[in-house]
Amino acid sequence: MRVEFENRHDVRRVIGECETEKEAFKIIYDFLKEHNYRSYYTRINEVDEHHLWVDVGSHTEFFHIYK
């Protein structure tokens, strides 16, 4: 799996690689912690069977998990 971060300018970058969805969310939450961002909710949308779109409450920045 590949985890990407999408910034407010729609620029994406890979922030990690993993084997399981659980590890993918650990990569996301570690990234948030490193950037001193506190997420009050997590919303997950399945774009298709190979792509999850993850909203952590910033309104302009998102994460993508590719299976």
N, C-alpha and C. Protein backbone atom coordinates (compact mmCIF):
# COMPACT_ATOMS: atom_id res chain seq x y z
N MET A 1 0.84 -1.18 0.00
CA MET A 1 0.00 0.00 0.00
C MET A 1 0.88 1.24 0.00
N ARG A 2 0.35 2.30 -0.59
CA ARG A 2 1.05 3.57 -0.64
C ARG A 2 0.16 4.63 0.02
N VAL A 3 0.76 5.45 0.88
CA VAL A 3 0.03 6.52 1.56
C VAL A 3 0.55 7.85 1.03
N GLU A 4 -0.39 8.70 0.58
CA GLU A 4 -0.02 10.01 0.05
C GLU A 4 -0.71 11.11 0.85
N PHE A 5 -0.04 12.25 0.93
CA PHE A 5 -0.59 13.46 1.53
C PHE A 5 -0.87 14.45 0.41
N GLU A 6 -2.07 15.04 0.41
CA GLU A 6 -2.45 16.05 -0.58
C GLU A 6 -2.59 17.39 0.13
N ASN A 7 -1.78 18.38 -0.26
CA ASN A 7 -1.84 19.68 0.41
C ASN A 7 -2.93 20.56 -0.19
N ARG A 8 -3.07 21.77 0.31
CA ARG A 8 -4.16 22.66 -0.12
C ARG A 8 -4.01 23.16 -1.55
N HIS A 9 -2.86 22.90 -2.17
CA HIS A 9 -2.63 23.28 -3.56
C HIS A 9 -2.80 22.08 -4.50
N ASP A 10 -3.40 21.01 -3.99
CA ASP A 10 -3.64 19.77 -4.73
C ASP A 10 -2.36 19.07 -5.16
N VAL A 11 -1.28 19.31 -4.45
CA VAL A 11 0.00 18.64 -4.72
C VAL A 11 0.09 17.45 -3.77
N ARG A 12 0.34 16.29 -4.35
CA ARG A 12 0.44 15.06 -3.54
C ARG A 12 1.88 14.61 -3.44
N ARG A 13 2.18 13.97 -2.28
CA ARG A 13 3.50 13.37 -2.11
C ARG A 13 3.35 12.11 -1.27
N VAL A 14 4.18 11.15 -1.55
CA VAL A 14 4.15 9.88 -0.83
C VAL A 14 4.77 10.09 0.54
N ILE A 15 4.06 9.66 1.58
CA ILE A 15 4.59 9.79 2.94
C ILE A 15 4.90 8.43 3.56
N GLY A 16 4.54 7.35 2.87
CA GLY A 16 4.86 6.04 3.41
C GLY A 16 4.38 4.89 2.55
N GLU A 17 4.94 3.74 2.82
CA GLU A 17 4.56 2.48 2.18
C GLU A 17 4.33 1.47 3.30
N CYS A 18 3.35 0.60 3.11
CA CYS A 18 3.03 -0.38 4.16
C CYS A 18 2.35 -1.59 3.56
N GLU A 19 2.03 -2.54 4.43
CA GLU A 19 1.39 -3.79 4.01
C GLU A 19 -0.10 -3.84 4.36
N THR A 20 -0.50 -3.18 5.45
CA THR A 20 -1.89 -3.28 5.91
C THR A 20 -2.52 -1.90 6.07
N GLU A 21 -3.84 -1.90 6.11
CA GLU A 21 -4.58 -0.66 6.31
C GLU A 21 -4.28 -0.08 7.69
N LYS A 22 -4.13 -0.93 8.68
CA LYS A 22 -3.80 -0.47 10.03
C LYS A 22 -2.48 0.29 10.03
N GLU A 23 -1.48 -0.23 9.33
CA GLU A 23 -0.19 0.45 9.23
C GLU A 23 -0.32 1.77 8.47
N ALA A 24 -1.21 1.81 7.47
CA ALA A 24 -1.43 3.04 6.71
C ALA A 24 -1.96 4.15 7.62
N PHE A 25 -2.89 3.81 8.50
CA PHE A 25 -3.42 4.82 9.41
C PHE A 25 -2.39 5.23 10.45
N LYS A 26 -1.51 4.34 10.82
CA LYS A 26 -0.42 4.72 11.73
C LYS A 26 0.49 5.74 11.04
N ILE A 27 0.78 5.53 9.76
CA ILE A 27 1.59 6.49 9.00
C ILE A 27 0.90 7.86 8.99
N ILE A 28 -0.41 7.87 8.76
CA ILE A 28 -1.16 9.14 8.74
C ILE A 28 -1.10 9.82 10.09
N TYR A 29 -1.39 9.08 11.17
CA TYR A 29 -1.42 9.71 12.50
C TYR A 29 -0.03 10.13 12.97
N ASP A 30 1.00 9.39 12.58
CA ASP A 30 2.36 9.82 12.90
C ASP A 30 2.70 11.11 12.15
N PHE A 31 2.27 11.23 10.90
CA PHE A 31 2.48 12.44 10.11
C PHE A 31 1.79 13.63 10.78
N LEU A 32 0.55 13.43 11.23
CA LEU A 32 -0.19 14.51 11.90
C LEU A 32 0.53 14.94 13.18
N LYS A 33 1.01 13.97 13.94
CA LYS A 33 1.71 14.27 15.18
C LYS A 33 2.99 15.07 14.91
N GLU A 34 3.74 14.68 13.88
CA GLU A 34 4.98 15.39 13.52
C GLU A 34 4.70 16.85 13.13
N HIS A 35 3.50 17.09 12.60
CA HIS A 35 3.14 18.45 12.16
C HIS A 35 2.25 19.17 13.17
N ASN A 36 2.18 18.62 14.39
CA ASN A 36 1.42 19.23 15.48
C ASN A 36 -0.02 19.55 15.10
N TYR A 37 -0.65 18.62 14.38
CA TYR A 37 -2.05 18.80 14.00
C TYR A 37 -2.90 17.83 14.79
N ARG A 38 -3.93 18.34 15.41
CA ARG A 38 -4.83 17.51 16.19
C ARG A 38 -6.11 17.28 15.39
N SER A 39 -6.37 16.03 15.08
CA SER A 39 -7.56 15.66 14.31
C SER A 39 -8.69 15.32 15.27
N TYR A 40 -9.84 15.95 15.04
CA TYR A 40 -11.00 15.68 15.89
C TYR A 40 -11.94 14.64 15.29
N TYR A 41 -11.72 14.32 14.04
CA TYR A 41 -12.49 13.24 13.42
C TYR A 41 -11.72 12.71 12.22
N THR A 42 -12.11 11.54 11.78
CA THR A 42 -11.55 10.94 10.57
C THR A 42 -12.71 10.44 9.73
N ARG A 43 -12.76 10.89 8.50
CA ARG A 43 -13.80 10.43 7.57
C ARG A 43 -13.11 9.70 6.43
N ILE A 44 -13.59 8.51 6.12
CA ILE A 44 -12.97 7.68 5.10
C ILE A 44 -13.99 7.43 3.99
N ASN A 45 -13.60 7.72 2.75
CA ASN A 45 -14.44 7.43 1.59
C ASN A 45 -13.70 6.47 0.68
N GLU A 46 -14.41 5.45 0.26
CA GLU A 46 -13.83 4.49 -0.68
C GLU A 46 -14.08 5.01 -2.09
N VAL A 47 -13.04 5.51 -2.73
CA VAL A 47 -13.15 6.05 -4.09
C VAL A 47 -13.40 4.89 -5.06
N ASP A 48 -12.63 3.86 -4.93
CA ASP A 48 -12.84 2.61 -5.65
C ASP A 48 -12.19 1.50 -4.82
N GLU A 49 -12.16 0.31 -5.35
CA GLU A 49 -11.67 -0.83 -4.54
C GLU A 49 -10.19 -0.75 -4.21
N HIS A 50 -9.46 0.16 -4.85
CA HIS A 50 -8.02 0.28 -4.62
C HIS A 50 -7.61 1.63 -4.02
N HIS A 51 -8.57 2.48 -3.69
CA HIS A 51 -8.25 3.85 -3.27
C HIS A 51 -9.18 4.31 -2.15
N LEU A 52 -8.58 4.69 -1.01
CA LEU A 52 -9.32 5.30 0.08
C LEU A 52 -8.91 6.76 0.20
N TRP A 53 -9.89 7.63 0.37
CA TRP A 53 -9.67 9.06 0.56
C TRP A 53 -9.95 9.34 2.04
N VAL A 54 -9.00 9.95 2.74
CA VAL A 54 -9.11 10.14 4.18
C VAL A 54 -9.10 11.63 4.52
N ASP A 55 -10.16 12.07 5.19
CA ASP A 55 -10.30 13.45 5.64
C ASP A 55 -10.10 13.45 7.16
N VAL A 56 -9.16 14.27 7.63
CA VAL A 56 -8.89 14.32 9.08
C VAL A 56 -9.34 15.65 9.69
N GLY A 57 -10.12 16.43 8.93
CA GLY A 57 -10.71 17.64 9.49
C GLY A 57 -10.07 18.94 9.10
N SER A 58 -9.12 18.95 8.19
CA SER A 58 -8.46 20.22 7.86
C SER A 58 -9.22 21.02 6.81
N HIS A 59 -10.14 20.41 6.09
CA HIS A 59 -10.96 21.03 5.04
C HIS A 59 -10.20 21.27 3.74
N THR A 60 -8.87 21.31 3.76
CA THR A 60 -8.11 21.58 2.54
C THR A 60 -6.99 20.58 2.29
N GLU A 61 -6.68 19.74 3.25
CA GLU A 61 -5.59 18.78 3.10
C GLU A 61 -6.12 17.38 3.42
N PHE A 62 -5.71 16.41 2.59
CA PHE A 62 -6.27 15.07 2.69
C PHE A 62 -5.18 14.02 2.53
N PHE A 63 -5.54 12.80 2.84
CA PHE A 63 -4.66 11.66 2.66
C PHE A 63 -5.32 10.68 1.70
N HIS A 64 -4.48 9.94 0.99
CA HIS A 64 -4.96 8.92 0.07
C HIS A 64 -4.20 7.64 0.37
N ILE A 65 -4.93 6.53 0.42
CA ILE A 65 -4.33 5.22 0.60
C ILE A 65 -4.64 4.41 -0.65
N TYR A 66 -3.58 3.96 -1.32
CA TYR A 66 -3.72 3.13 -2.52
C TYR A 66 -3.33 1.71 -2.18
N LYS A 67 -4.26 0.80 -2.39
CA LYS A 67 -4.03 -0.62 -2.09
C LYS A 67 -3.32 -1.30 -3.25
